[in-house]
Amino acid sequence: MDRPVAVRIVAGGDDALRLYKRVRCAARALGIEVIIDEQRGGDSPRLFVDSRLLLEGLQRTEAIEDALARWLAERKG
């Protein structure tokens, strides 16, 4: 992937930091660069890519990696 992938995290408190770290780790495992925009708030942490809800809840790194991989595969079409 030649361009960074822009993602948005909507979460509050410790969940925001945990999700941020997990997204970074998942992206590293996939060999992609991500630009993370954070928005505070919400009851449940959410991860968006291209304004599309990718995941809801504080997911494990492996689940985030799988979701990002599926999104990348769809994008390549």
PDB file of N, CA and C in Angstrom:
ATOM      1  N   MET A   1       0.856  -1.175   0.000  1.00  0.00           N
ATOM      2  CA  MET A   1       0.000   0.000   0.000  1.00  0.00           C
ATOM      3  C   MET A   1       0.894   1.227   0.000  1.00  0.00           C
ATOM      4  N   ASP A   2       0.663   2.124  -0.922  1.00  0.00           N
ATOM      5  CA  ASP A   2       1.526   3.283  -1.053  1.00  0.00           C
ATOM      6  C   ASP A   2       1.036   4.496  -0.284  1.00  0.00           C
ATOM      7  N   ARG A   3      -0.247   4.578  -0.012  1.00  0.00           N
ATOM      8  CA  ARG A   3      -0.777   5.716   0.738  1.00  0.00           C
ATOM      9  C   ARG A   3      -1.221   5.274   2.124  1.00  0.00           C
ATOM     10  N   PRO A   4      -1.067   6.163   3.112  1.00  0.00           N
ATOM     11  CA  PRO A   4      -1.559   5.819   4.453  1.00  0.00           C
ATOM     12  C   PRO A   4      -3.081   5.677   4.447  1.00  0.00           C
ATOM     13  N   VAL A   5      -3.573   4.831   5.319  1.00  0.00           N
ATOM     14  CA  VAL A   5      -5.006   4.627   5.479  1.00  0.00           C
ATOM     15  C   VAL A   5      -5.471   5.517   6.635  1.00  0.00           C
ATOM     16  N   ALA A   6      -6.477   6.335   6.375  1.00  0.00           N
ATOM     17  CA  ALA A   6      -7.018   7.210   7.408  1.00  0.00           C
ATOM     18  C   ALA A   6      -8.133   6.479   8.153  1.00  0.00           C
ATOM     19  N   VAL A   7      -7.991   6.388   9.462  1.00  0.00           N
ATOM     20  CA  VAL A   7      -9.012   5.768  10.296  1.00  0.00           C
ATOM     21  C   VAL A   7      -9.435   6.751  11.380  1.00  0.00           C
ATOM     22  N   ARG A   8     -10.626   6.537  11.908  1.00  0.00           N
ATOM     23  CA  ARG A   8     -11.124   7.396  12.993  1.00  0.00           C
ATOM     24  C   ARG A   8     -11.562   6.518  14.149  1.00  0.00           C
ATOM     25  N   ILE A   9     -11.094   6.882  15.319  1.00  0.00           N
ATOM     26  CA  ILE A   9     -11.464   6.198  16.550  1.00  0.00           C
ATOM     27  C   ILE A   9     -12.419   7.103  17.313  1.00  0.00           C
ATOM     28  N   VAL A  10     -13.551   6.551  17.707  1.00  0.00           N
ATOM     29  CA  VAL A  10     -14.487   7.272  18.564  1.00  0.00           C
ATOM     30  C   VAL A  10     -14.546   6.499  19.867  1.00  0.00           C
ATOM     31  N   ALA A  11     -13.986   7.081  20.905  1.00  0.00           N
ATOM     32  CA  ALA A  11     -13.930   6.408  22.202  1.00  0.00           C
ATOM     33  C   ALA A  11     -13.568   7.436  23.260  1.00  0.00           C
ATOM     34  N   GLY A  12     -13.694   7.029  24.492  1.00  0.00           N
ATOM     35  CA  GLY A  12     -13.344   7.909  25.592  1.00  0.00           C
ATOM     36  C   GLY A  12     -12.416   7.231  26.575  1.00  0.00           C
ATOM     37  N   GLY A  13     -11.671   8.025  27.300  1.00  0.00           N
ATOM     38  CA  GLY A  13     -10.830   7.534  28.380  1.00  0.00           C
ATOM     39  C   GLY A  13      -9.803   6.514  27.962  1.00  0.00           C
ATOM     40  N   ASP A  14      -9.644   5.501  28.803  1.00  0.00           N
ATOM     41  CA  ASP A  14      -8.648   4.457  28.562  1.00  0.00           C
ATOM     42  C   ASP A  14      -8.951   3.641  27.307  1.00  0.00           C
ATOM     43  N   ASP A  15     -10.231   3.511  26.965  1.00  0.00           N
ATOM     44  CA  ASP A  15     -10.587   2.752  25.766  1.00  0.00           C
ATOM     45  C   ASP A  15      -9.988   3.384  24.517  1.00  0.00           C
ATOM     46  N   ALA A  16      -9.949   4.711  24.463  1.00  0.00           N
ATOM     47  CA  ALA A  16      -9.377   5.403  23.308  1.00  0.00           C
ATOM     48  C   ALA A  16      -7.896   5.059  23.153  1.00  0.00           C
ATOM     49  N   LEU A  17      -7.169   5.083  24.245  1.00  0.00           N
ATOM     50  CA  LEU A  17      -5.743   4.771  24.207  1.00  0.00           C
ATOM     51  C   LEU A  17      -5.513   3.306  23.838  1.00  0.00           C
ATOM     52  N   ARG A  18      -6.289   2.419  24.409  1.00  0.00           N
ATOM     53  CA  ARG A  18      -6.147   0.991  24.105  1.00  0.00           C
ATOM     54  C   ARG A  18      -6.417   0.715  22.623  1.00  0.00           C
ATOM     55  N   LEU A  19      -7.504   1.302  22.107  1.00  0.00           N
ATOM     56  CA  LEU A  19      -7.854   1.084  20.705  1.00  0.00           C
ATOM     57  C   LEU A  19      -6.800   1.687  19.784  1.00  0.00           C
ATOM     58  N   TYR A  20      -6.294   2.853  20.139  1.00  0.00           N
ATOM     59  CA  TYR A  20      -5.233   3.496  19.358  1.00  0.00           C
ATOM     60  C   TYR A  20      -4.024   2.569  19.232  1.00  0.00           C
ATOM     61  N   LYS A  21      -3.583   2.025  20.342  1.00  0.00           N
ATOM     62  CA  LYS A  21      -2.423   1.132  20.338  1.00  0.00           C
ATOM     63  C   LYS A  21      -2.692  -0.130  19.535  1.00  0.00           C
ATOM     64  N   ARG A  22      -3.894  -0.667  19.653  1.00  0.00           N
ATOM     65  CA  ARG A  22      -4.236  -1.904  18.945  1.00  0.00           C
ATOM     66  C   ARG A  22      -4.322  -1.677  17.432  1.00  0.00           C
ATOM     67  N   VAL A  23      -4.850  -0.530  17.041  1.00  0.00           N
ATOM     68  CA  VAL A  23      -4.916  -0.205  15.606  1.00  0.00           C
ATOM     69  C   VAL A  23      -3.510  -0.058  15.044  1.00  0.00           C
ATOM     70  N   ARG A  24      -2.635   0.626  15.757  1.00  0.00           N
ATOM     71  CA  ARG A  24      -1.237   0.787  15.322  1.00  0.00           C
ATOM     72  C   ARG A  24      -0.559  -0.578  15.162  1.00  0.00           C
ATOM     73  N   CYS A  25      -0.759  -1.443  16.119  1.00  0.00           N
ATOM     74  CA  CYS A  25      -0.153  -2.769  16.095  1.00  0.00           C
ATOM     75  C   CYS A  25      -0.703  -3.600  14.924  1.00  0.00           C
ATOM     76  N   ALA A  26      -1.999  -3.548  14.710  1.00  0.00           N
ATOM     77  CA  ALA A  26      -2.623  -4.286  13.611  1.00  0.00           C
ATOM     78  C   ALA A  26      -2.114  -3.778  12.268  1.00  0.00           C
ATOM     79  N   ALA A  27      -2.003  -2.476  12.133  1.00  0.00           N
ATOM     80  CA  ALA A  27      -1.503  -1.890  10.882  1.00  0.00           C
ATOM     81  C   ALA A  27      -0.055  -2.303  10.638  1.00  0.00           C
ATOM     82  N   ARG A  28       0.738  -2.307  11.674  1.00  0.00           N
ATOM     83  CA  ARG A  28       2.139  -2.716  11.557  1.00  0.00           C
ATOM     84  C   ARG A  28       2.226  -4.165  11.078  1.00  0.00           C
ATOM     85  N   ALA A  29       1.369  -5.025  11.621  1.00  0.00           N
ATOM     86  CA  ALA A  29       1.366  -6.433  11.233  1.00  0.00           C
ATOM     87  C   ALA A  29       0.985  -6.600   9.759  1.00  0.00           C
ATOM     88  N   LEU A  30       0.136  -5.697   9.256  1.00  0.00           N
ATOM     89  CA  LEU A  30      -0.290  -5.756   7.856  1.00  0.00           C
ATOM     90  C   LEU A  30       0.680  -5.022   6.930  1.00  0.00           C
ATOM     91  N   GLY A  31       1.613  -4.296   7.505  1.00  0.00           N
ATOM     92  CA  GLY A  31       2.568  -3.551   6.701  1.00  0.00           C
ATOM     93  C   GLY A  31       1.994  -2.291   6.078  1.00  0.00           C
ATOM     94  N   ILE A  32       0.994  -1.713   6.748  1.00  0.00           N
ATOM     95  CA  ILE A  32       0.401  -0.481   6.232  1.00  0.00           C
ATOM     96  C   ILE A  32       0.621   0.651   7.225  1.00  0.00           C
ATOM     97  N   GLU A  33       0.581   1.856   6.692  1.00  0.00           N
ATOM     98  CA  GLU A  33       0.680   3.046   7.532  1.00  0.00           C
ATOM     99  C   GLU A  33      -0.723   3.582   7.748  1.00  0.00           C
ATOM    100  N   VAL A  34      -1.024   3.966   8.978  1.00  0.00           N
ATOM    101  CA  VAL A  34      -2.336   4.543   9.276  1.00  0.00           C
ATOM    102  C   VAL A  34      -2.178   5.936   9.853  1.00  0.00           C
ATOM    103  N   ILE A  35      -3.137   6.765   9.524  1.00  0.00           N
ATOM    104  CA  ILE A  35      -3.277   8.078  10.132  1.00  0.00           C
ATOM    105  C   ILE A  35      -4.532   7.982  10.979  1.00  0.00           C
ATOM    106  N   ILE A  36      -4.382   8.188  12.269  1.00  0.00           N
ATOM    107  CA  ILE A  36      -5.506   7.984  13.185  1.00  0.00           C
ATOM    108  C   ILE A  36      -6.036   9.322  13.671  1.00  0.00           C
ATOM    109  N   ASP A  37      -7.310   9.536  13.434  1.00  0.00           N
ATOM    110  CA  ASP A  37      -8.029  10.700  13.945  1.00  0.00           C
ATOM    111  C   ASP A  37      -8.829  10.210  15.144  1.00  0.00           C
ATOM    112  N   GLU A  38      -8.740  10.919  16.241  1.00  0.00           N
ATOM    113  CA  GLU A  38      -9.467  10.510  17.443  1.00  0.00           C
ATOM    114  C   GLU A  38     -10.583  11.485  17.746  1.00  0.00           C
ATOM    115  N   GLN A  39     -11.722  10.935  18.106  1.00  0.00           N
ATOM    116  CA  GLN A  39     -12.876  11.733  18.511  1.00  0.00           C
ATOM    117  C   GLN A  39     -13.339  11.195  19.854  1.00  0.00           C
ATOM    118  N   ARG A  40     -13.365  12.024  20.847  1.00  0.00           N
ATOM    119  CA  ARG A  40     -13.771  11.585  22.187  1.00  0.00           C
ATOM    120  C   ARG A  40     -15.274  11.434  22.269  1.00  0.00           C
ATOM    121  N   GLY A  41     -15.696  10.420  23.014  1.00  0.00           N
ATOM    122  CA  GLY A  41     -17.118  10.254  23.259  1.00  0.00           C
ATOM    123  C   GLY A  41     -17.609   8.871  22.911  1.00  0.00           C
ATOM    124  N   GLY A  42     -18.884   8.694  23.090  1.00  0.00           N
ATOM    125  CA  GLY A  42     -19.519   7.423  22.762  1.00  0.00           C
ATOM    126  C   GLY A  42     -19.487   6.455  23.923  1.00  0.00           C
ATOM    127  N   ASP A  43     -20.502   5.605  23.960  1.00  0.00           N
ATOM    128  CA  ASP A  43     -20.596   4.593  25.012  1.00  0.00           C
ATOM    129  C   ASP A  43     -19.674   3.423  24.736  1.00  0.00           C
ATOM    130  N   SER A  44     -19.573   3.066  23.473  1.00  0.00           N
ATOM    131  CA  SER A  44     -18.764   1.914  23.080  1.00  0.00           C
ATOM    132  C   SER A  44     -17.728   2.387  22.066  1.00  0.00           C
ATOM    133  N   PRO A  45     -16.483   1.963  22.211  1.00  0.00           N
ATOM    134  CA  PRO A  45     -15.454   2.366  21.249  1.00  0.00           C
ATOM    135  C   PRO A  45     -15.826   1.912  19.835  1.00  0.00           C
ATOM    136  N   ARG A  46     -15.549   2.761  18.861  1.00  0.00           N
ATOM    137  CA  ARG A  46     -15.843   2.438  17.469  1.00  0.00           C
ATOM    138  C   ARG A  46     -14.656   2.809  16.593  1.00  0.00           C
ATOM    139  N   LEU A  47     -14.477   2.049  15.531  1.00  0.00           N
ATOM    140  CA  LEU A  47     -13.402   2.286  14.579  1.00  0.00           C
ATOM    141  C   LEU A  47     -14.022   2.451  13.197  1.00  0.00           C
ATOM    142  N   PHE A  48     -13.699   3.567  12.546  1.00  0.00           N
ATOM    143  CA  PHE A  48     -14.225   3.878  11.224  1.00  0.00           C
ATOM    144  C   PHE A  48     -13.092   3.948  10.211  1.00  0.00           C
ATOM    145  N   VAL A  49     -13.374   3.509   8.988  1.00  0.00           N
ATOM    146  CA  VAL A  49     -12.477   3.684   7.850  1.00  0.00           C
ATOM    147  C   VAL A  49     -13.348   4.184   6.702  1.00  0.00           C
ATOM    148  N   ASP A  50     -12.943   5.277   6.079  1.00  0.00           N
ATOM    149  CA  ASP A  50     -13.742   5.873   4.994  1.00  0.00           C
ATOM    150  C   ASP A  50     -15.193   6.114   5.424  1.00  0.00           C
ATOM    151  N   SER A  51     -15.387   6.629   6.613  1.00  0.00           N
ATOM    152  CA  SER A  51     -16.713   6.918   7.171  1.00  0.00           C
ATOM    153  C   SER A  51     -17.575   5.668   7.337  1.00  0.00           C
ATOM    154  N   ARG A  52     -16.990   4.504   7.206  1.00  0.00           N
ATOM    155  CA  ARG A  52     -17.702   3.229   7.380  1.00  0.00           C
ATOM    156  C   ARG A  52     -17.319   2.633   8.726  1.00  0.00           C
ATOM    157  N   LEU A  53     -18.314   2.231   9.491  1.00  0.00           N
ATOM    158  CA  LEU A  53     -18.046   1.588  10.774  1.00  0.00           C
ATOM    159  C   LEU A  53     -17.392   0.243  10.506  1.00  0.00           C
ATOM    160  N   LEU A  54     -16.173   0.093  10.970  1.00  0.00           N
ATOM    161  CA  LEU A  54     -15.431  -1.141  10.747  1.00  0.00           C
ATOM    162  C   LEU A  54     -15.607  -2.093  11.923  1.00  0.00           C
ATOM    163  N   LEU A  55     -15.506  -1.557  13.138  1.00  0.00           N
ATOM    164  CA  LEU A  55     -15.642  -2.373  14.348  1.00  0.00           C
ATOM    165  C   LEU A  55     -16.277  -1.551  15.461  1.00  0.00           C
ATOM    166  N   GLU A  56     -17.005  -2.244  16.315  1.00  0.00           N
ATOM    167  CA  GLU A  56     -17.566  -1.605  17.501  1.00  0.00           C
ATOM    168  C   GLU A  56     -17.155  -2.415  18.715  1.00  0.00           C
ATOM    169  N   GLY A  57     -16.834  -1.736  19.782  1.00  0.00           N
ATOM    170  CA  GLY A  57     -16.370  -2.391  20.990  1.00  0.00           C
ATOM    171  C   GLY A  57     -14.856  -2.445  21.009  1.00  0.00           C
ATOM    172  N   LEU A  58     -14.311  -2.728  22.156  1.00  0.00           N
ATOM    173  CA  LEU A  58     -12.860  -2.813  22.299  1.00  0.00           C
ATOM    174  C   LEU A  58     -12.415  -4.206  21.856  1.00  0.00           C
ATOM    175  N   GLN A  59     -12.057  -4.322  20.602  1.00  0.00           N
ATOM    176  CA  GLN A  59     -11.701  -5.602  20.001  1.00  0.00           C
ATOM    177  C   GLN A  59     -10.228  -5.931  20.225  1.00  0.00           C
ATOM    178  N   ARG A  60      -9.916  -7.196  20.152  1.00  0.00           N
ATOM    179  CA  ARG A  60      -8.524  -7.644  20.238  1.00  0.00           C
ATOM    180  C   ARG A  60      -7.776  -7.195  18.987  1.00  0.00           C
ATOM    181  N   THR A  61      -6.466  -7.096  19.100  1.00  0.00           N
ATOM    182  CA  THR A  61      -5.630  -6.667  17.984  1.00  0.00           C
ATOM    183  C   THR A  61      -5.848  -7.548  16.764  1.00  0.00           C
ATOM    184  N   GLU A  62      -5.970  -8.855  16.965  1.00  0.00           N
ATOM    185  CA  GLU A  62      -6.161  -9.787  15.865  1.00  0.00           C
ATOM    186  C   GLU A  62      -7.463  -9.514  15.107  1.00  0.00           C
ATOM    187  N   ALA A  63      -8.510  -9.160  15.817  1.00  0.00           N
ATOM    188  CA  ALA A  63      -9.793  -8.851  15.179  1.00  0.00           C
ATOM    189  C   ALA A  63      -9.686  -7.564  14.360  1.00  0.00           C
ATOM    190  N   ILE A  64      -8.957  -6.600  14.881  1.00  0.00           N
ATOM    191  CA  ILE A  64      -8.740  -5.341  14.156  1.00  0.00           C
ATOM    192  C   ILE A  64      -7.925  -5.610  12.895  1.00  0.00           C
ATOM    193  N   GLU A  65      -6.897  -6.429  13.025  1.00  0.00           N
ATOM    194  CA  GLU A  65      -6.074  -6.790  11.869  1.00  0.00           C
ATOM    195  C   GLU A  65      -6.925  -7.485  10.798  1.00  0.00           C
ATOM    196  N   ASP A  66      -7.765  -8.425  11.198  1.00  0.00           N
ATOM    197  CA  ASP A  66      -8.638  -9.131  10.250  1.00  0.00           C
ATOM    198  C   ASP A  66      -9.597  -8.169   9.557  1.00  0.00           C
ATOM    199  N   ALA A  67     -10.195  -7.266  10.317  1.00  0.00           N
ATOM    200  CA  ALA A  67     -11.146  -6.305   9.742  1.00  0.00           C
ATOM    201  C   ALA A  67     -10.447  -5.374   8.758  1.00  0.00           C
ATOM    202  N   LEU A  68      -9.255  -4.902   9.117  1.00  0.00           N
ATOM    203  CA  LEU A  68      -8.504  -4.038   8.202  1.00  0.00           C
ATOM    204  C   LEU A  68      -8.101  -4.793   6.939  1.00  0.00           C
ATOM    205  N   ALA A  69      -7.699  -6.046   7.085  1.00  0.00           N
ATOM    206  CA  ALA A  69      -7.312  -6.861   5.928  1.00  0.00           C
ATOM    207  C   ALA A  69      -8.505  -7.059   4.986  1.00  0.00           C
ATOM    208  N   ARG A  70      -9.684  -7.323   5.553  1.00  0.00           N
ATOM    209  CA  ARG A  70     -10.892  -7.477   4.725  1.00  0.00           C
ATOM    210  C   ARG A  70     -11.215  -6.174   4.007  1.00  0.00           C
ATOM    211  N   TRP A  71     -11.107  -5.057   4.719  1.00  0.00           N
ATOM    212  CA  TRP A  71     -11.381  -3.750   4.114  1.00  0.00           C
ATOM    213  C   TRP A  71     -10.415  -3.486   2.961  1.00  0.00           C
ATOM    214  N   LEU A  72      -9.131  -3.791   3.176  1.00  0.00           N
ATOM    215  CA  LEU A  72      -8.127  -3.584   2.117  1.00  0.00           C
ATOM    216  C   LEU A  72      -8.426  -4.458   0.900  1.00  0.00           C
ATOM    217  N   ALA A  73      -8.823  -5.703   1.139  1.00  0.00           N
ATOM    218  CA  ALA A  73      -9.149  -6.618   0.039  1.00  0.00           C
ATOM    219  C   ALA A  73     -10.349  -6.108  -0.753  1.00  0.00           C
ATOM    220  N   GLU A  74     -11.364  -5.606  -0.056  1.00  0.00           N
ATOM    221  CA  GLU A  74     -12.553  -5.043  -0.728  1.00  0.00           C
ATOM    222  C   GLU A  74     -12.177  -3.827  -1.554  1.00  0.00           C
ATOM    223  N   ARG A  75     -11.292  -3.025  -1.000  1.00  0.00           N
ATOM    224  CA  ARG A  75     -10.885  -1.784  -1.650  1.00  0.00           C
ATOM    225  C   ARG A  75     -10.123  -2.069  -2.950  1.00  0.00           C
ATOM    226  N   LYS A  76      -9.318  -3.126  -2.929  1.00  0.00           N
ATOM    227  CA  LYS A  76      -8.566  -3.484  -4.126  1.00  0.00           C
ATOM    228  C   LYS A  76      -9.463  -4.092  -5.189  1.00  0.00           C
ATOM    229  N   GLY A  77     -10.614  -4.582  -4.716  1.00  0.00           N
ATOM    230  CA  GLY A  77     -11.660  -5.051  -5.556  1.00  0.00           C
ATOM    231  C   GLY A  77     -11.494  -6.223  -6.374  1.00  0.00           C
TER     232      GLY A  77
END
